[in-house]
Amino acid sequence: MRSDTEVSTFDIVLVGLGIIWNPGAEAIKLQRDFNVLSLADIPAAAGRVGCEICYVDLPPKVSGFATVIASKPHIVVNRAKSPQHQQYTLAHELGHQFLHLNPAPDPNQLGLPIKDIAEFQAHMFASTLMFVTTNDKEREDMVKQNPEAFIMPALAIFVTVVFVVIALLFYVCARLSQRQLPASIETK
């Protein structure tokens, strides 16, 4: 959003909803464009978009990271983690490659902490990709290993409802403030 124009509540809601839901749309686009039909297809899709995947020993608290080395995107995954955790991490870091490390629209249009937005968006990308490429059993196992695969979409739904309610309140208040007072009230 440009600072030289007036920003409406509607603009803020649209930007907020884009921040929340665009990562899922990008994951579905990747799934469709690269025919990702299962978890096993995700590494191949990452390779087809130009990402090199490296499984290495990382500190226990680090699941992985995405970076660009010599103009080539890399996804580094902690090989000490469970296969389900590695798969989710790969999808999460692929989300960072798609959403944040390649030229992308400014995700900070609302002035929110960029790192928090980037992590949320990568989780939404990974969660969406996991949910469209897994069966019920795989999904259950994935959520057990990666609770954020359930928590982030639930949070997204909650925040969406809050955005819509706030937008409706602003709309109703604006409409009420525009009403003309009856002449009998104005004269008192």
C-alpha atoms as a PDB file:
ATOM      1  CA  MET A   1       0.000   0.000   0.000  1.00  0.00           C
ATOM      2  CA  ARG A   2       1.247   3.444  -0.848  1.00  0.00           C
ATOM      3  CA  SER A   3       1.534   5.994   1.938  1.00  0.00           C
ATOM      4  CA  ASP A   4       0.259   8.883  -0.227  1.00  0.00           C
ATOM      5  CA  THR A   5      -3.241   7.407  -0.527  1.00  0.00           C
ATOM      6  CA  GLU A   6      -5.894   6.922   2.100  1.00  0.00           C
ATOM      7  CA  VAL A   7      -6.048   3.336   3.284  1.00  0.00           C
ATOM      8  CA  SER A   8      -9.514   1.951   3.833  1.00  0.00           C
ATOM      9  CA  THR A   9     -10.520  -0.804   6.209  1.00  0.00           C
ATOM     10  CA  PHE A  10     -11.362  -2.857   3.145  1.00  0.00           C
ATOM     11  CA  ASP A  11      -7.775  -2.453   1.844  1.00  0.00           C
ATOM     12  CA  ILE A  12      -6.361  -3.586   5.171  1.00  0.00           C
ATOM     13  CA  VAL A  13      -8.650  -6.620   5.262  1.00  0.00           C
ATOM     14  CA  LEU A  14      -7.696  -7.588   1.698  1.00  0.00           C
ATOM     15  CA  VAL A  15      -3.975  -7.294   2.413  1.00  0.00           C
ATOM     16  CA  GLY A  16      -4.385  -9.276   5.636  1.00  0.00           C
ATOM     17  CA  LEU A  17      -6.348 -12.021   3.897  1.00  0.00           C
ATOM     18  CA  GLY A  18      -3.716 -12.136   1.157  1.00  0.00           C
ATOM     19  CA  ILE A  19      -0.951 -12.550   3.725  1.00  0.00           C
ATOM     20  CA  ILE A  20      -2.912 -15.404   5.302  1.00  0.00           C
ATOM     21  CA  TRP A  21      -4.211 -17.312   2.279  1.00  0.00           C
ATOM     22  CA  ASN A  22      -1.820 -16.631  -0.653  1.00  0.00           C
ATOM     23  CA  PRO A  23       0.742 -19.166   0.628  1.00  0.00           C
ATOM     24  CA  GLY A  24      -1.876 -21.923   0.442  1.00  0.00           C
ATOM     25  CA  ALA A  25      -2.826 -20.832  -3.063  1.00  0.00           C
ATOM     26  CA  GLU A  26       0.846 -20.972  -4.089  1.00  0.00           C
ATOM     27  CA  ALA A  27       1.150 -24.479  -2.605  1.00  0.00           C
ATOM     28  CA  ILE A  28      -1.882 -25.654  -4.577  1.00  0.00           C
ATOM     29  CA  LYS A  29      -0.427 -24.070  -7.713  1.00  0.00           C
ATOM     30  CA  LEU A  30       2.863 -25.920  -7.150  1.00  0.00           C
ATOM     31  CA  GLN A  31       0.935 -29.154  -6.511  1.00  0.00           C
ATOM     32  CA  ARG A  32      -1.022 -28.712  -9.750  1.00  0.00           C
ATOM     33  CA  ASP A  33       1.822 -27.407 -11.957  1.00  0.00           C
ATOM     34  CA  PHE A  34       4.303 -30.100 -10.913  1.00  0.00           C
ATOM     35  CA  ASN A  35       1.812 -32.957 -10.483  1.00  0.00           C
ATOM     36  CA  VAL A  36       2.642 -33.473  -6.807  1.00  0.00           C
ATOM     37  CA  LEU A  37       0.326 -36.323  -5.862  1.00  0.00           C
ATOM     38  CA  SER A  38       2.088 -37.642  -2.759  1.00  0.00           C
ATOM     39  CA  LEU A  39       4.710 -36.768  -0.187  1.00  0.00           C
ATOM     40  CA  ALA A  40       7.262 -38.668  -2.260  1.00  0.00           C
ATOM     41  CA  ASP A  41       6.729 -36.223  -5.152  1.00  0.00           C
ATOM     42  CA  ILE A  42       7.722 -33.124  -3.141  1.00  0.00           C
ATOM     43  CA  PRO A  43      11.524 -33.558  -3.383  1.00  0.00           C
ATOM     44  CA  ALA A  44      11.263 -34.074  -7.148  1.00  0.00           C
ATOM     45  CA  ALA A  45       9.086 -30.958  -7.482  1.00  0.00           C
ATOM     46  CA  ALA A  46      11.620 -28.993  -5.438  1.00  0.00           C
ATOM     47  CA  GLY A  47      14.322 -30.187  -7.809  1.00  0.00           C
ATOM     48  CA  ARG A  48      12.263 -29.242 -10.878  1.00  0.00           C
ATOM     49  CA  VAL A  49      11.890 -25.676  -9.593  1.00  0.00           C
ATOM     50  CA  GLY A  50      15.656 -25.493  -9.189  1.00  0.00           C
ATOM     51  CA  CYS A  51      16.146 -26.207  -5.485  1.00  0.00           C
ATOM     52  CA  GLU A  52      18.983 -28.395  -4.340  1.00  0.00           C
ATOM     53  CA  ILE A  53      18.039 -30.438  -1.267  1.00  0.00           C
ATOM     54  CA  CYS A  54      20.704 -31.341   1.288  1.00  0.00           C
ATOM     55  CA  TYR A  55      20.137 -33.639   4.259  1.00  0.00           C
ATOM     56  CA  VAL A  56      22.741 -32.811   6.905  1.00  0.00           C
ATOM     57  CA  ASP A  57      23.378 -33.005  10.627  1.00  0.00           C
ATOM     58  CA  LEU A  58      22.045 -29.860  12.291  1.00  0.00           C
ATOM     59  CA  PRO A  59      21.580 -28.927  15.946  1.00  0.00           C
ATOM     60  CA  PRO A  60      18.564 -30.788  17.427  1.00  0.00           C
ATOM     61  CA  LYS A  61      16.423 -27.641  17.625  1.00  0.00           C
ATOM     62  CA  VAL A  62      16.964 -26.822  13.924  1.00  0.00           C
ATOM     63  CA  SER A  63      14.703 -28.634  11.478  1.00  0.00           C
ATOM     64  CA  GLY A  64      16.105 -26.989   8.369  1.00  0.00           C
ATOM     65  CA  PHE A  65      16.495 -23.762   6.457  1.00  0.00           C
ATOM     66  CA  ALA A  66      16.249 -22.282   2.984  1.00  0.00           C
ATOM     67  CA  THR A  67      18.990 -20.201   1.459  1.00  0.00           C
ATOM     68  CA  VAL A  68      20.486 -19.168  -1.851  1.00  0.00           C
ATOM     69  CA  ILE A  69      24.111 -20.135  -2.505  1.00  0.00           C
ATOM     70  CA  ALA A  70      25.842 -18.892  -5.650  1.00  0.00           C
ATOM     71  CA  SER A  71      22.462 -17.958  -7.179  1.00  0.00           C
ATOM     72  CA  LYS A  72      21.102 -21.479  -6.616  1.00  0.00           C
ATOM     73  CA  PRO A  73      18.272 -22.110  -4.124  1.00  0.00           C
ATOM     74  CA  HIS A  74      19.100 -24.675  -1.446  1.00  0.00           C
ATOM     75  CA  ILE A  75      16.931 -26.402   1.120  1.00  0.00           C
ATOM     76  CA  VAL A  76      18.808 -27.895   4.043  1.00  0.00           C
ATOM     77  CA  VAL A  77      16.999 -30.498   6.148  1.00  0.00           C
ATOM     78  CA  ASN A  78      18.115 -32.039   9.456  1.00  0.00           C
ATOM     79  CA  ARG A  79      18.614 -35.726   8.704  1.00  0.00           C
ATOM     80  CA  ALA A  80      18.304 -36.636  12.405  1.00  0.00           C
ATOM     81  CA  LYS A  81      14.570 -35.820  12.370  1.00  0.00           C
ATOM     82  CA  SER A  82      11.830 -38.362  11.640  1.00  0.00           C
ATOM     83  CA  PRO A  83      10.784 -38.886   8.002  1.00  0.00           C
ATOM     84  CA  GLN A  84       7.457 -37.089   8.625  1.00  0.00           C
ATOM     85  CA  HIS A  85       9.271 -34.163  10.207  1.00  0.00           C
ATOM     86  CA  GLN A  86      11.728 -34.029   7.300  1.00  0.00           C
ATOM     87  CA  GLN A  87       8.867 -34.033   4.771  1.00  0.00           C
ATOM     88  CA  TYR A  88       7.090 -31.192   6.531  1.00  0.00           C
ATOM     89  CA  THR A  89      10.374 -29.270   6.865  1.00  0.00           C
ATOM     90  CA  LEU A  90      11.059 -29.729   3.151  1.00  0.00           C
ATOM     91  CA  ALA A  91       7.596 -28.365   2.302  1.00  0.00           C
ATOM     92  CA  HIS A  92       8.047 -25.487   4.803  1.00  0.00           C
ATOM     93  CA  GLU A  93      11.432 -24.494   3.370  1.00  0.00           C
ATOM     94  CA  LEU A  94      10.107 -24.862  -0.180  1.00  0.00           C
ATOM     95  CA  GLY A  95       7.474 -22.346   0.910  1.00  0.00           C
ATOM     96  CA  HIS A  96      10.241 -19.932   1.934  1.00  0.00           C
ATOM     97  CA  GLN A  97      11.893 -20.411  -1.481  1.00  0.00           C
ATOM     98  CA  PHE A  98       8.634 -19.696  -3.292  1.00  0.00           C
ATOM     99  CA  LEU A  99       7.351 -16.904  -1.087  1.00  0.00           C
ATOM    100  CA  HIS A 100      10.341 -15.097   0.350  1.00  0.00           C
ATOM    101  CA  LEU A 101      13.667 -15.848  -1.322  1.00  0.00           C
ATOM    102  CA  ASN A 102      12.501 -15.277  -4.891  1.00  0.00           C
ATOM    103  CA  PRO A 103      11.303 -11.807  -5.829  1.00  0.00           C
ATOM    104  CA  ALA A 104       7.834 -11.537  -4.318  1.00  0.00           C
ATOM    105  CA  PRO A 105       5.300  -8.892  -3.383  1.00  0.00           C
ATOM    106  CA  ASP A 106       6.054  -7.082  -0.126  1.00  0.00           C
ATOM    107  CA  PRO A 107       4.548  -9.246   2.640  1.00  0.00           C
ATOM    108  CA  ASN A 108       4.906  -6.413   5.131  1.00  0.00           C
ATOM    109  CA  GLN A 109       2.231  -4.111   3.775  1.00  0.00           C
ATOM    110  CA  LEU A 110       0.601  -3.872   7.202  1.00  0.00           C
ATOM    111  CA  GLY A 111       3.819  -3.042   9.075  1.00  0.00           C
ATOM    112  CA  LEU A 112       3.943  -6.405  10.881  1.00  0.00           C
ATOM    113  CA  PRO A 113       7.146  -8.221  11.911  1.00  0.00           C
ATOM    114  CA  ILE A 114       8.512  -9.681   8.673  1.00  0.00           C
ATOM    115  CA  LYS A 115      10.105 -12.783  10.266  1.00  0.00           C
ATOM    116  CA  ASP A 116       6.842 -13.746  11.973  1.00  0.00           C
ATOM    117  CA  ILE A 117       4.874 -13.270   8.740  1.00  0.00           C
ATOM    118  CA  ALA A 118       7.432 -15.272   6.761  1.00  0.00           C
ATOM    119  CA  GLU A 119       7.303 -18.182   9.218  1.00  0.00           C
ATOM    120  CA  PHE A 120       3.506 -18.148   9.310  1.00  0.00           C
ATOM    121  CA  GLN A 121       3.349 -18.110   5.508  1.00  0.00           C
ATOM    122  CA  ALA A 122       5.861 -20.958   5.170  1.00  0.00           C
ATOM    123  CA  HIS A 123       3.775 -22.993   7.629  1.00  0.00           C
ATOM    124  CA  MET A 124       0.617 -22.256   5.633  1.00  0.00           C
ATOM    125  CA  PHE A 125       2.377 -23.289   2.418  1.00  0.00           C
ATOM    126  CA  ALA A 126       3.630 -26.527   3.989  1.00  0.00           C
ATOM    127  CA  SER A 127       0.324 -27.306   5.706  1.00  0.00           C
ATOM    128  CA  THR A 128      -1.633 -26.815   2.503  1.00  0.00           C
ATOM    129  CA  LEU A 129       0.819 -28.894   0.476  1.00  0.00           C
ATOM    130  CA  MET A 130       0.719 -31.647   3.095  1.00  0.00           C
ATOM    131  CA  PHE A 131      -3.075 -31.672   3.263  1.00  0.00           C
ATOM    132  CA  VAL A 132      -3.544 -31.890  -0.520  1.00  0.00           C
ATOM    133  CA  THR A 133      -0.930 -34.621  -1.025  1.00  0.00           C
ATOM    134  CA  THR A 134      -1.592 -36.994   1.874  1.00  0.00           C
ATOM    135  CA  ASN A 135      -4.212 -39.556   2.771  1.00  0.00           C
ATOM    136  CA  ASP A 136      -5.906 -39.604   6.176  1.00  0.00           C
ATOM    137  CA  LYS A 137      -3.301 -41.876   7.816  1.00  0.00           C
ATOM    138  CA  GLU A 138      -0.335 -39.913   6.452  1.00  0.00           C
ATOM    139  CA  ARG A 139      -2.000 -36.652   7.494  1.00  0.00           C
ATOM    140  CA  GLU A 140      -2.556 -37.962  11.024  1.00  0.00           C
ATOM    141  CA  ASP A 141       1.095 -39.044  11.294  1.00  0.00           C
ATOM    142  CA  MET A 142       2.248 -35.704   9.853  1.00  0.00           C
ATOM    143  CA  VAL A 143       0.238 -33.694  12.391  1.00  0.00           C
ATOM    144  CA  LYS A 144       1.561 -35.841  15.261  1.00  0.00           C
ATOM    145  CA  GLN A 145       5.131 -35.033  14.216  1.00  0.00           C
ATOM    146  CA  ASN A 146       4.357 -31.433  13.209  1.00  0.00           C
ATOM    147  CA  PRO A 147       1.500 -29.939  15.257  1.00  0.00           C
ATOM    148  CA  GLU A 148       1.960 -26.633  13.427  1.00  0.00           C
ATOM    149  CA  ALA A 149       0.524 -28.372  10.339  1.00  0.00           C
ATOM    150  CA  PHE A 150      -2.840 -28.196  12.126  1.00  0.00           C
ATOM    151  CA  ILE A 151      -2.318 -25.162  14.358  1.00  0.00           C
ATOM    152  CA  MET A 152      -1.422 -22.695  11.588  1.00  0.00           C
ATOM    153  CA  PRO A 153      -4.488 -23.357   9.389  1.00  0.00           C
ATOM    154  CA  ALA A 154      -6.699 -23.227  12.496  1.00  0.00           C
ATOM    155  CA  LEU A 155      -5.093 -19.905  13.421  1.00  0.00           C
ATOM    156  CA  ALA A 156      -5.607 -18.678   9.841  1.00  0.00           C
ATOM    157  CA  ILE A 157      -9.311 -19.484  10.008  1.00  0.00           C
ATOM    158  CA  PHE A 158      -9.634 -17.735  13.370  1.00  0.00           C
ATOM    159  CA  VAL A 159      -7.801 -14.608  12.184  1.00  0.00           C
ATOM    160  CA  THR A 160      -9.886 -14.560   8.995  1.00  0.00           C
ATOM    161  CA  VAL A 161     -13.092 -14.594  11.043  1.00  0.00           C
ATOM    162  CA  VAL A 162     -11.727 -11.797  13.257  1.00  0.00           C
ATOM    163  CA  PHE A 163     -10.764  -9.735  10.168  1.00  0.00           C
ATOM    164  CA  VAL A 164     -14.217 -10.141   8.677  1.00  0.00           C
ATOM    165  CA  VAL A 165     -15.973  -9.245  11.945  1.00  0.00           C
ATOM    166  CA  ILE A 166     -13.801  -6.150  12.414  1.00  0.00           C
ATOM    167  CA  ALA A 167     -14.388  -5.105   8.802  1.00  0.00           C
ATOM    168  CA  LEU A 168     -18.130  -5.504   9.261  1.00  0.00           C
ATOM    169  CA  LEU A 169     -18.030  -3.453  12.468  1.00  0.00           C
ATOM    170  CA  PHE A 170     -16.122  -0.667  10.719  1.00  0.00           C
ATOM    171  CA  TYR A 171     -18.567  -0.787   7.826  1.00  0.00           C
ATOM    172  CA  VAL A 172     -21.617  -0.612  10.102  1.00  0.00           C
ATOM    173  CA  CYS A 173     -20.096   2.204  12.174  1.00  0.00           C
ATOM    174  CA  ALA A 174     -19.228   4.164   9.034  1.00  0.00           C
ATOM    175  CA  ARG A 175     -22.739   3.735   7.660  1.00  0.00           C
ATOM    176  CA  LEU A 176     -24.284   4.801  10.969  1.00  0.00           C
ATOM    177  CA  SER A 177     -22.094   7.888  11.198  1.00  0.00           C
ATOM    178  CA  GLN A 178     -23.165   8.924   7.687  1.00  0.00           C
ATOM    179  CA  ARG A 179     -26.861   8.906   8.563  1.00  0.00           C
ATOM    180  CA  GLN A 180     -28.546  12.280   8.919  1.00  0.00           C
ATOM    181  CA  LEU A 181     -30.077  13.061  12.293  1.00  0.00           C
ATOM    182  CA  PRO A 182     -33.834  13.796  12.207  1.00  0.00           C
ATOM    183  CA  ALA A 183     -34.616  17.521  12.150  1.00  0.00           C
ATOM    184  CA  SER A 184     -36.374  17.282  15.520  1.00  0.00           C
ATOM    185  CA  ILE A 185     -33.152  16.140  17.215  1.00  0.00           C
ATOM    186  CA  GLU A 186     -30.996  18.751  15.469  1.00  0.00           C
ATOM    187  CA  THR A 187     -33.060  21.654  16.825  1.00  0.00           C
ATOM    188  CA  LYS A 188     -32.842  20.693  20.494  1.00  0.00           C
END
